[in-house]
């Protein structure tokens, strides 16, 4: 199963339409999409505007490939679950977002194994055509090593020393 996710805040009709058109052209009936407040209504993929967290997480765990906007939650979840993910950034120039931060996100994550960045919907389709060959990175751990958590706890529970400026201000009072 292929899972499409565009987040919940803004429509991303361009990506939804590209995946839906691809599913129709390839006769894929195993594509599920969480499409948010989209005005485009898919003809082929099984689409939901919104899914509760538990159901969405189950779909993420069951899918063989994720297709998504460049949202951090989607990227991190794909890494945690060891799923390959195709990303397309929302384009603020097309009114899909407020700024270009998703383009920056893709630039940063595109170098990682299992993350497949597309510049446009044609590249999304080309990657979908290779869906069965896209590899994921090994699952990322969701817990920190004990050495890190112990050092963090020590830091949190150690009273901070006043800065030089704070010490001078106290003396001037």
N, C-alpha and C. Protein backbone atom coordinates (compact mmCIF):
# COMPACT_ATOMS: atom_id res chain seq x y z
N UNK A 1 0.84 -1.17 0.00
CA UNK A 1 0.00 0.00 0.00
C UNK A 1 0.88 1.24 0.00
N UNK A 2 0.47 2.24 -0.74
CA UNK A 2 1.15 3.53 -0.80
C UNK A 2 0.28 4.52 -0.05
N UNK A 3 0.91 5.29 0.84
CA UNK A 3 0.19 6.27 1.65
C UNK A 3 0.59 7.67 1.23
N UNK A 4 -0.40 8.46 0.85
CA UNK A 4 -0.21 9.87 0.53
C UNK A 4 -0.63 10.70 1.73
N UNK A 5 0.20 11.65 2.12
CA UNK A 5 -0.14 12.54 3.23
C UNK A 5 0.25 13.96 2.87
N UNK A 6 -0.71 14.88 3.01
CA UNK A 6 -0.41 16.27 2.70
C UNK A 6 -0.56 17.18 3.92
N UNK A 7 -0.65 16.60 5.09
CA UNK A 7 -0.84 17.40 6.29
C UNK A 7 -2.31 17.74 6.48
N UNK A 8 -2.58 18.54 7.49
CA UNK A 8 -3.97 18.83 7.84
C UNK A 8 -4.34 20.30 7.75
N UNK A 9 -3.35 21.17 7.53
CA UNK A 9 -3.64 22.60 7.62
C UNK A 9 -4.04 23.24 6.30
N UNK A 10 -3.37 22.87 5.23
CA UNK A 10 -3.56 23.54 3.95
C UNK A 10 -3.79 22.53 2.84
N UNK A 11 -4.55 22.87 1.82
CA UNK A 11 -4.71 21.96 0.68
C UNK A 11 -3.40 21.84 -0.10
N UNK A 12 -3.23 20.72 -0.75
CA UNK A 12 -2.08 20.51 -1.63
C UNK A 12 -2.57 19.72 -2.84
N UNK A 13 -3.51 20.35 -3.56
CA UNK A 13 -4.19 19.71 -4.68
C UNK A 13 -3.22 19.23 -5.76
N UNK A 14 -2.15 19.95 -5.97
CA UNK A 14 -1.19 19.59 -7.02
C UNK A 14 -0.61 18.19 -6.77
N UNK A 15 -0.25 17.90 -5.53
CA UNK A 15 0.29 16.58 -5.19
C UNK A 15 -0.81 15.52 -5.20
N UNK A 16 -1.96 15.83 -4.64
CA UNK A 16 -3.07 14.88 -4.61
C UNK A 16 -3.46 14.48 -6.04
N UNK A 17 -3.58 15.45 -6.92
CA UNK A 17 -3.96 15.17 -8.32
C UNK A 17 -2.89 14.32 -9.02
N UNK A 18 -1.62 14.63 -8.79
CA UNK A 18 -0.54 13.87 -9.44
C UNK A 18 -0.57 12.40 -9.02
N UNK A 19 -0.75 12.15 -7.73
CA UNK A 19 -0.79 10.77 -7.24
C UNK A 19 -2.05 10.08 -7.73
N UNK A 20 -3.17 10.77 -7.73
CA UNK A 20 -4.42 10.19 -8.20
C UNK A 20 -4.33 9.85 -9.69
N UNK A 21 -3.79 10.75 -10.50
CA UNK A 21 -3.63 10.50 -11.93
C UNK A 21 -2.70 9.31 -12.17
N UNK A 22 -1.62 9.22 -11.39
CA UNK A 22 -0.69 8.09 -11.52
C UNK A 22 -1.39 6.78 -11.17
N UNK A 23 -2.15 6.78 -10.08
CA UNK A 23 -2.85 5.55 -9.68
C UNK A 23 -3.82 5.11 -10.76
N UNK A 24 -4.52 6.05 -11.38
CA UNK A 24 -5.44 5.72 -12.46
C UNK A 24 -4.68 5.16 -13.67
N UNK A 25 -3.60 5.82 -14.07
CA UNK A 25 -2.84 5.41 -15.25
C UNK A 25 -2.18 4.05 -15.07
N UNK A 26 -1.84 3.70 -13.84
CA UNK A 26 -1.15 2.43 -13.58
C UNK A 26 -2.08 1.37 -13.00
N UNK A 27 -3.37 1.70 -12.89
CA UNK A 27 -4.37 0.78 -12.32
C UNK A 27 -4.00 0.31 -10.92
N UNK A 28 -3.41 1.22 -10.13
CA UNK A 28 -3.07 0.89 -8.74
C UNK A 28 -4.30 1.15 -7.88
N UNK A 29 -4.71 0.14 -7.15
CA UNK A 29 -5.87 0.29 -6.28
C UNK A 29 -5.47 0.23 -4.80
N UNK A 30 -4.17 0.37 -4.55
CA UNK A 30 -3.66 0.26 -3.18
C UNK A 30 -3.09 1.58 -2.67
N UNK A 31 -3.64 2.70 -3.14
CA UNK A 31 -3.17 4.01 -2.70
C UNK A 31 -4.23 4.63 -1.80
N UNK A 32 -3.79 5.04 -0.62
CA UNK A 32 -4.66 5.68 0.37
C UNK A 32 -4.10 7.06 0.62
N UNK A 33 -4.97 8.05 0.75
CA UNK A 33 -4.51 9.41 0.96
C UNK A 33 -5.23 10.13 2.08
N UNK A 34 -4.45 10.81 2.90
CA UNK A 34 -4.99 11.77 3.87
C UNK A 34 -4.74 13.11 3.22
N UNK A 35 -5.82 13.73 2.69
CA UNK A 35 -5.65 14.86 1.77
C UNK A 35 -6.01 16.22 2.37
N UNK A 36 -6.38 16.27 3.63
CA UNK A 36 -6.66 17.56 4.26
C UNK A 36 -7.81 18.29 3.59
N UNK A 37 -7.78 19.61 3.65
CA UNK A 37 -8.89 20.41 3.09
C UNK A 37 -8.76 20.62 1.59
N UNK A 38 -8.55 19.55 0.85
CA UNK A 38 -8.35 19.63 -0.59
C UNK A 38 -9.64 19.97 -1.31
N UNK A 39 -9.55 20.78 -2.34
CA UNK A 39 -10.72 21.02 -3.17
C UNK A 39 -10.80 20.00 -4.30
N UNK A 40 -9.67 19.34 -4.61
CA UNK A 40 -9.66 18.29 -5.62
C UNK A 40 -10.14 16.99 -4.97
N UNK A 41 -11.08 16.34 -5.57
CA UNK A 41 -11.61 15.07 -5.07
C UNK A 41 -11.04 13.94 -5.90
N UNK A 42 -10.20 13.09 -5.33
CA UNK A 42 -9.57 12.00 -6.07
C UNK A 42 -10.60 11.03 -6.65
N UNK A 43 -10.28 10.52 -7.83
CA UNK A 43 -11.14 9.56 -8.52
C UNK A 43 -10.69 8.13 -8.26
N UNK A 44 -9.41 7.93 -8.00
CA UNK A 44 -8.86 6.59 -7.91
C UNK A 44 -8.41 6.22 -6.50
N UNK A 45 -7.68 7.10 -5.85
CA UNK A 45 -7.17 6.75 -4.53
C UNK A 45 -8.28 6.82 -3.49
N UNK A 46 -8.15 6.00 -2.48
CA UNK A 46 -9.09 6.03 -1.35
C UNK A 46 -8.64 7.18 -0.46
N UNK A 47 -9.42 8.25 -0.42
CA UNK A 47 -8.98 9.48 0.24
C UNK A 47 -9.84 9.82 1.44
N UNK A 48 -9.18 10.40 2.43
CA UNK A 48 -9.82 10.90 3.64
C UNK A 48 -9.33 12.32 3.87
N UNK A 49 -10.25 13.21 4.23
CA UNK A 49 -9.81 14.56 4.56
C UNK A 49 -8.88 14.53 5.77
N UNK A 50 -9.36 13.90 6.82
CA UNK A 50 -8.59 13.81 8.06
C UNK A 50 -8.78 12.43 8.66
N UNK A 51 -7.75 11.93 9.33
CA UNK A 51 -7.81 10.66 10.04
C UNK A 51 -7.34 10.89 11.46
N UNK A 52 -7.93 10.17 12.41
CA UNK A 52 -7.44 10.31 13.78
C UNK A 52 -6.03 9.74 13.85
N UNK A 53 -5.30 10.15 14.86
CA UNK A 53 -3.88 9.82 14.96
C UNK A 53 -3.63 8.30 14.94
N UNK A 54 -4.43 7.55 15.67
CA UNK A 54 -4.23 6.10 15.74
C UNK A 54 -4.41 5.42 14.39
N UNK A 55 -5.44 5.80 13.68
CA UNK A 55 -5.70 5.19 12.37
C UNK A 55 -4.62 5.61 11.36
N UNK A 56 -4.22 6.87 11.41
CA UNK A 56 -3.18 7.33 10.50
C UNK A 56 -1.86 6.64 10.79
N UNK A 57 -1.53 6.50 12.05
CA UNK A 57 -0.28 5.83 12.43
C UNK A 57 -0.29 4.37 11.97
N UNK A 58 -1.45 3.71 12.04
CA UNK A 58 -1.56 2.33 11.57
C UNK A 58 -1.32 2.25 10.06
N UNK A 59 -1.85 3.22 9.31
CA UNK A 59 -1.60 3.24 7.87
C UNK A 59 -0.12 3.48 7.57
N UNK A 60 0.50 4.35 8.34
CA UNK A 60 1.93 4.60 8.16
C UNK A 60 2.73 3.32 8.41
N UNK A 61 2.35 2.58 9.43
CA UNK A 61 3.06 1.35 9.76
C UNK A 61 2.86 0.28 8.69
N UNK A 62 1.68 0.25 8.07
CA UNK A 62 1.34 -0.78 7.09
C UNK A 62 1.82 -0.48 5.68
N UNK A 63 2.06 0.77 5.34
CA UNK A 63 2.39 1.11 3.95
C UNK A 63 3.80 0.64 3.59
N UNK A 64 4.01 0.50 2.28
CA UNK A 64 5.34 0.16 1.79
C UNK A 64 6.08 1.41 1.32
N UNK A 65 5.35 2.50 1.10
CA UNK A 65 5.91 3.75 0.61
C UNK A 65 5.02 4.90 1.06
N UNK A 66 5.67 5.99 1.46
CA UNK A 66 4.94 7.21 1.80
C UNK A 66 5.24 8.27 0.74
N UNK A 67 4.21 9.05 0.40
CA UNK A 67 4.35 10.21 -0.49
C UNK A 67 3.80 11.38 0.31
N UNK A 68 4.56 12.48 0.36
CA UNK A 68 4.17 13.52 1.29
C UNK A 68 4.66 14.89 0.88
N UNK A 69 4.00 15.90 1.46
CA UNK A 69 4.56 17.25 1.45
C UNK A 69 5.81 17.19 2.32
N UNK A 70 6.60 18.22 2.35
CA UNK A 70 7.85 18.20 3.11
C UNK A 70 7.61 18.60 4.56
N UNK A 71 6.68 17.93 5.21
CA UNK A 71 6.39 18.18 6.62
C UNK A 71 7.30 17.35 7.50
N UNK A 72 7.81 17.97 8.53
CA UNK A 72 8.74 17.28 9.43
C UNK A 72 8.13 16.02 10.05
N UNK A 73 6.86 16.09 10.42
CA UNK A 73 6.23 14.92 11.03
C UNK A 73 6.25 13.72 10.10
N UNK A 74 5.96 13.94 8.84
CA UNK A 74 5.97 12.84 7.86
C UNK A 74 7.38 12.29 7.66
N UNK A 75 8.35 13.17 7.55
CA UNK A 75 9.73 12.75 7.32
C UNK A 75 10.24 11.94 8.51
N UNK A 76 10.04 12.45 9.70
CA UNK A 76 10.54 11.77 10.89
C UNK A 76 9.84 10.44 11.08
N UNK A 77 8.54 10.39 10.84
CA UNK A 77 7.81 9.13 10.99
C UNK A 77 8.31 8.10 9.98
N UNK A 78 8.54 8.51 8.74
CA UNK A 78 9.08 7.58 7.74
C UNK A 78 10.43 7.03 8.20
N UNK A 79 11.25 7.89 8.76
CA UNK A 79 12.56 7.45 9.25
C UNK A 79 12.41 6.50 10.43
N UNK A 80 11.52 6.82 11.35
CA UNK A 80 11.29 5.94 12.50
C UNK A 80 10.80 4.56 12.09
N UNK A 81 9.89 4.53 11.11
CA UNK A 81 9.28 3.27 10.70
C UNK A 81 10.07 2.55 9.61
N UNK A 82 11.13 3.17 9.11
CA UNK A 82 11.92 2.53 8.06
C UNK A 82 11.18 2.45 6.75
N UNK A 83 10.46 3.51 6.38
CA UNK A 83 9.69 3.55 5.14
C UNK A 83 10.35 4.51 4.16
N UNK A 84 10.44 4.15 2.87
CA UNK A 84 10.89 5.15 1.90
C UNK A 84 9.81 6.22 1.78
N UNK A 85 10.26 7.45 1.51
CA UNK A 85 9.31 8.55 1.40
C UNK A 85 9.68 9.43 0.20
N UNK A 86 8.67 9.74 -0.60
CA UNK A 86 8.80 10.69 -1.71
C UNK A 86 8.26 12.02 -1.21
N UNK A 87 9.05 13.07 -1.39
CA UNK A 87 8.66 14.40 -0.90
C UNK A 87 8.51 15.39 -2.05
N UNK A 88 7.49 16.20 -1.95
CA UNK A 88 7.32 17.35 -2.83
C UNK A 88 7.00 18.55 -1.95
N UNK A 89 7.80 19.58 -2.06
CA UNK A 89 7.58 20.79 -1.24
C UNK A 89 6.38 21.57 -1.77
N UNK A 90 5.62 22.09 -0.85
CA UNK A 90 4.58 23.05 -1.22
C UNK A 90 5.28 24.28 -1.78
N UNK A 91 4.71 24.89 -2.79
CA UNK A 91 5.31 26.07 -3.41
C UNK A 91 4.53 27.31 -2.98
N UNK A 92 5.18 28.14 -2.20
CA UNK A 92 4.50 29.35 -1.71
C UNK A 92 4.11 30.29 -2.85
N UNK A 93 4.84 30.22 -3.98
CA UNK A 93 4.52 31.07 -5.13
C UNK A 93 3.20 30.65 -5.78
N UNK A 94 2.78 29.41 -5.52
CA UNK A 94 1.50 28.92 -6.05
C UNK A 94 0.39 29.00 -5.00
N UNK A 95 0.70 29.64 -3.87
CA UNK A 95 -0.28 29.78 -2.80
C UNK A 95 -0.48 28.52 -1.97
N UNK A 96 0.48 27.59 -2.04
CA UNK A 96 0.35 26.34 -1.30
C UNK A 96 0.87 26.45 0.13
N UNK A 97 1.58 27.52 0.41
CA UNK A 97 2.10 27.74 1.76
C UNK A 97 2.44 29.20 1.93
N UNK A 98 2.82 29.56 3.14
CA UNK A 98 3.12 30.95 3.46
C UNK A 98 4.53 31.37 3.06
N UNK A 99 5.47 30.41 3.05
CA UNK A 99 6.85 30.71 2.71
C UNK A 99 7.51 29.48 2.11
N UNK A 100 8.81 29.55 1.87
CA UNK A 100 9.52 28.47 1.18
C UNK A 100 10.25 27.52 2.12
N UNK A 101 9.80 27.42 3.36
CA UNK A 101 10.54 26.58 4.30
C UNK A 101 10.54 25.10 3.91
N UNK A 102 9.50 24.62 3.20
CA UNK A 102 9.51 23.21 2.81
C UNK A 102 10.59 22.92 1.78
N UNK A 103 10.91 23.89 0.95
CA UNK A 103 12.01 23.72 0.00
C UNK A 103 13.32 23.57 0.75
N UNK A 104 13.50 24.34 1.79
CA UNK A 104 14.71 24.23 2.63
C UNK A 104 14.75 22.88 3.33
N UNK A 105 13.61 22.43 3.80
CA UNK A 105 13.54 21.12 4.47
C UNK A 105 13.97 20.02 3.52
N UNK A 106 13.45 20.04 2.32
CA UNK A 106 13.82 19.02 1.33
C UNK A 106 15.31 19.08 1.03
N UNK A 107 15.85 20.26 0.88
CA UNK A 107 17.27 20.40 0.59
C UNK A 107 18.10 19.72 1.68
N UNK A 108 17.68 19.85 2.91
CA UNK A 108 18.42 19.25 4.03
C UNK A 108 18.27 17.73 4.06
N UNK A 109 17.05 17.23 3.88
CA UNK A 109 16.80 15.81 4.05
C UNK A 109 17.03 14.97 2.79
N UNK A 110 17.12 15.58 1.63
CA UNK A 110 17.24 14.84 0.37
C UNK A 110 18.51 13.99 0.31
N UNK A 111 19.48 14.31 1.11
CA UNK A 111 20.74 13.56 1.10
C UNK A 111 20.66 12.26 1.90
N UNK A 112 19.60 12.07 2.65
CA UNK A 112 19.49 10.89 3.50
C UNK A 112 18.96 9.69 2.73
N UNK A 113 19.45 8.50 3.05
CA UNK A 113 18.91 7.31 2.40
C UNK A 113 17.43 7.16 2.70
N UNK A 114 16.68 6.74 1.72
CA UNK A 114 15.25 6.52 1.90
C UNK A 114 14.38 7.73 1.69
N UNK A 115 15.00 8.90 1.50
CA UNK A 115 14.27 10.14 1.25
C UNK A 115 14.46 10.50 -0.22
N UNK A 116 13.35 10.58 -0.94
CA UNK A 116 13.40 10.84 -2.38
C UNK A 116 12.70 12.18 -2.65
N UNK A 117 13.50 13.17 -2.99
CA UNK A 117 12.98 14.52 -3.19
C UNK A 117 12.62 14.73 -4.65
N UNK A 118 11.44 15.27 -4.88
CA UNK A 118 10.98 15.59 -6.23
C UNK A 118 10.90 17.11 -6.36
N UNK A 119 11.32 17.62 -7.51
CA UNK A 119 11.23 19.06 -7.75
C UNK A 119 9.86 19.47 -8.26
N UNK A 120 9.16 18.51 -8.86
CA UNK A 120 7.84 18.82 -9.42
C UNK A 120 7.03 17.52 -9.50
N UNK A 121 5.80 17.63 -9.97
CA UNK A 121 4.93 16.46 -10.00
C UNK A 121 5.41 15.42 -11.01
N UNK A 122 6.09 15.85 -12.07
CA UNK A 122 6.64 14.88 -13.03
C UNK A 122 7.66 13.97 -12.34
N UNK A 123 8.47 14.54 -11.45
CA UNK A 123 9.44 13.73 -10.71
C UNK A 123 8.74 12.84 -9.69
N UNK A 124 7.64 13.32 -9.11
CA UNK A 124 6.87 12.46 -8.21
C UNK A 124 6.40 11.23 -8.97
N UNK A 125 5.84 11.43 -10.16
CA UNK A 125 5.34 10.33 -10.98
C UNK A 125 6.48 9.39 -11.36
N UNK A 126 7.62 9.93 -11.75
CA UNK A 126 8.77 9.10 -12.12
C UNK A 126 9.21 8.24 -10.93
N UNK A 127 9.20 8.81 -9.74
CA UNK A 127 9.56 8.04 -8.54
C UNK A 127 8.49 7.00 -8.23
N UNK A 128 7.22 7.37 -8.39
CA UNK A 128 6.14 6.40 -8.17
C UNK A 128 6.26 5.22 -9.14
N UNK A 129 6.70 5.48 -10.35
CA UNK A 129 6.91 4.40 -11.32
C UNK A 129 7.96 3.41 -10.84
N UNK A 130 8.83 3.84 -9.95
CA UNK A 130 9.87 2.98 -9.37
C UNK A 130 9.52 2.56 -7.94
N UNK A 131 8.27 2.69 -7.55
CA UNK A 131 7.85 2.48 -6.16
C UNK A 131 8.36 1.17 -5.58
N UNK A 132 8.33 0.11 -6.37
CA UNK A 132 8.74 -1.20 -5.84
C UNK A 132 10.24 -1.35 -5.65
N UNK A 133 11.01 -0.39 -6.14
CA UNK A 133 12.47 -0.48 -6.01
C UNK A 133 13.05 0.56 -5.05
N UNK A 134 12.21 1.47 -4.55
CA UNK A 134 12.71 2.50 -3.64
C UNK A 134 13.01 1.86 -2.28
N UNK A 135 14.18 2.14 -1.77
CA UNK A 135 14.61 1.56 -0.51
C UNK A 135 14.49 2.56 0.62
N UNK A 136 14.26 2.06 1.79
CA UNK A 136 14.19 2.90 2.99
C UNK A 136 15.51 2.84 3.73
N UNK A 137 15.73 3.81 4.55
CA UNK A 137 16.87 3.74 5.46
C UNK A 137 16.45 2.83 6.61
N UNK A 138 17.38 2.26 7.33
CA UNK A 138 16.99 1.47 8.50
C UNK A 138 16.20 2.34 9.46
N UNK A 139 15.32 1.73 10.21
CA UNK A 139 14.48 2.48 11.16
C UNK A 139 15.35 3.30 12.09
N UNK A 140 14.92 4.52 12.32
CA UNK A 140 15.61 5.40 13.27
C UNK A 140 15.07 5.11 14.67
N UNK A 141 15.93 5.15 15.64
CA UNK A 141 15.52 4.91 17.01
C UNK A 141 14.66 6.05 17.52
N UNK A 142 13.68 5.71 18.31
CA UNK A 142 12.83 6.74 18.91
C UNK A 142 13.24 7.05 20.34
N UNK A 143 14.32 6.44 20.80
CA UNK A 143 14.78 6.73 22.16
C UNK A 143 16.25 7.11 22.11
N UNK A 144 16.64 7.91 23.07
CA UNK A 144 18.02 8.39 23.14
C UNK A 144 18.85 7.41 23.96
N UNK A 145 20.16 7.36 23.69
CA UNK A 145 21.04 6.50 24.49
C UNK A 145 21.04 6.94 25.95
N UNK A 146 21.19 6.00 26.88
CA UNK A 146 21.17 6.36 28.31
C UNK A 146 22.20 7.42 28.69
N UNK A 147 23.37 7.39 28.04
CA UNK A 147 24.40 8.39 28.37
C UNK A 147 23.88 9.80 28.10
N UNK A 148 23.14 9.95 27.00
CA UNK A 148 22.59 11.26 26.65
C UNK A 148 21.52 11.68 27.66
N UNK A 149 20.58 10.79 27.95
CA UNK A 149 19.49 11.16 28.85
C UNK A 149 20.00 11.44 30.26
N UNK A 150 21.04 10.73 30.69
CA UNK A 150 21.62 10.99 32.02
C UNK A 150 22.30 12.37 32.05
N UNK A 151 23.04 12.69 31.01
CA UNK A 151 23.68 14.01 30.94
C UNK A 151 22.65 15.12 30.87
N UNK A 152 21.58 14.89 30.11
CA UNK A 152 20.52 15.88 30.01
C UNK A 152 19.84 16.08 31.37
N UNK A 153 19.56 14.99 32.07
CA UNK A 153 18.93 15.09 33.40
C UNK A 153 19.85 15.84 34.36
N UNK A 154 21.14 15.54 34.32
CA UNK A 154 22.08 16.26 35.18
C UNK A 154 22.06 17.76 34.88
N UNK A 155 22.06 18.10 33.60
CA UNK A 155 22.04 19.50 33.20
C UNK A 155 20.76 20.19 33.66
N UNK A 156 19.62 19.49 33.51
CA UNK A 156 18.34 20.07 33.91
C UNK A 156 18.23 20.28 35.41
N UNK A 157 18.86 19.42 36.17
CA UNK A 157 18.73 19.49 37.62
C UNK A 157 19.87 20.24 38.30
N UNK A 158 20.83 20.70 37.54
CA UNK A 158 21.93 21.48 38.10
C UNK A 158 21.56 22.95 38.02
N UNK A 159 21.58 23.64 39.16
CA UNK A 159 21.26 25.07 39.11
C UNK A 159 22.24 25.79 38.19
N UNK A 160 21.69 26.69 37.41
CA UNK A 160 22.55 27.43 36.48
C UNK A 160 23.37 28.45 37.25
N UNK A 161 24.58 28.64 36.81
CA UNK A 161 25.43 29.64 37.42
C UNK A 161 25.08 30.98 36.81
N UNK A 162 25.03 32.01 37.61
CA UNK A 162 24.73 33.33 37.05
C UNK A 162 25.82 33.78 36.08
N UNK A 163 25.39 34.47 35.06
CA UNK A 163 26.36 35.01 34.10
C UNK A 163 27.10 36.17 34.74
N UNK A 164 28.17 36.58 34.12
CA UNK A 164 28.96 37.71 34.61
C UNK A 164 28.07 38.95 34.72
N UNK A 165 27.23 39.18 33.73
CA UNK A 165 26.34 40.33 33.74
C UNK A 165 25.36 40.26 34.92
N UNK A 166 24.83 39.07 35.20
CA UNK A 166 23.91 38.91 36.33
C UNK A 166 24.63 39.16 37.67
N UNK A 167 25.88 38.70 37.79
CA UNK A 167 26.64 38.92 39.03
C UNK A 167 26.92 40.41 39.24
N UNK A 168 27.26 41.10 38.17
CA UNK A 168 27.52 42.55 38.27
C UNK A 168 26.25 43.28 38.65
N UNK A 169 25.13 42.91 38.03
CA UNK A 169 23.85 43.57 38.33
C UNK A 169 23.47 43.38 39.79
N UNK A 170 23.72 42.20 40.34
CA UNK A 170 23.41 41.96 41.77
C UNK A 170 24.24 42.87 42.67
N UNK A 171 25.49 43.04 42.33
CA UNK A 171 26.38 43.87 43.15
C UNK A 171 25.97 45.34 43.09
N UNK A 172 25.39 45.76 41.98
CA UNK A 172 25.01 47.15 41.84
C UNK A 172 23.70 47.46 42.56
N UNK A 173 22.95 46.46 42.95
CA UNK A 173 21.66 46.69 43.62
C UNK A 173 21.84 47.17 45.02
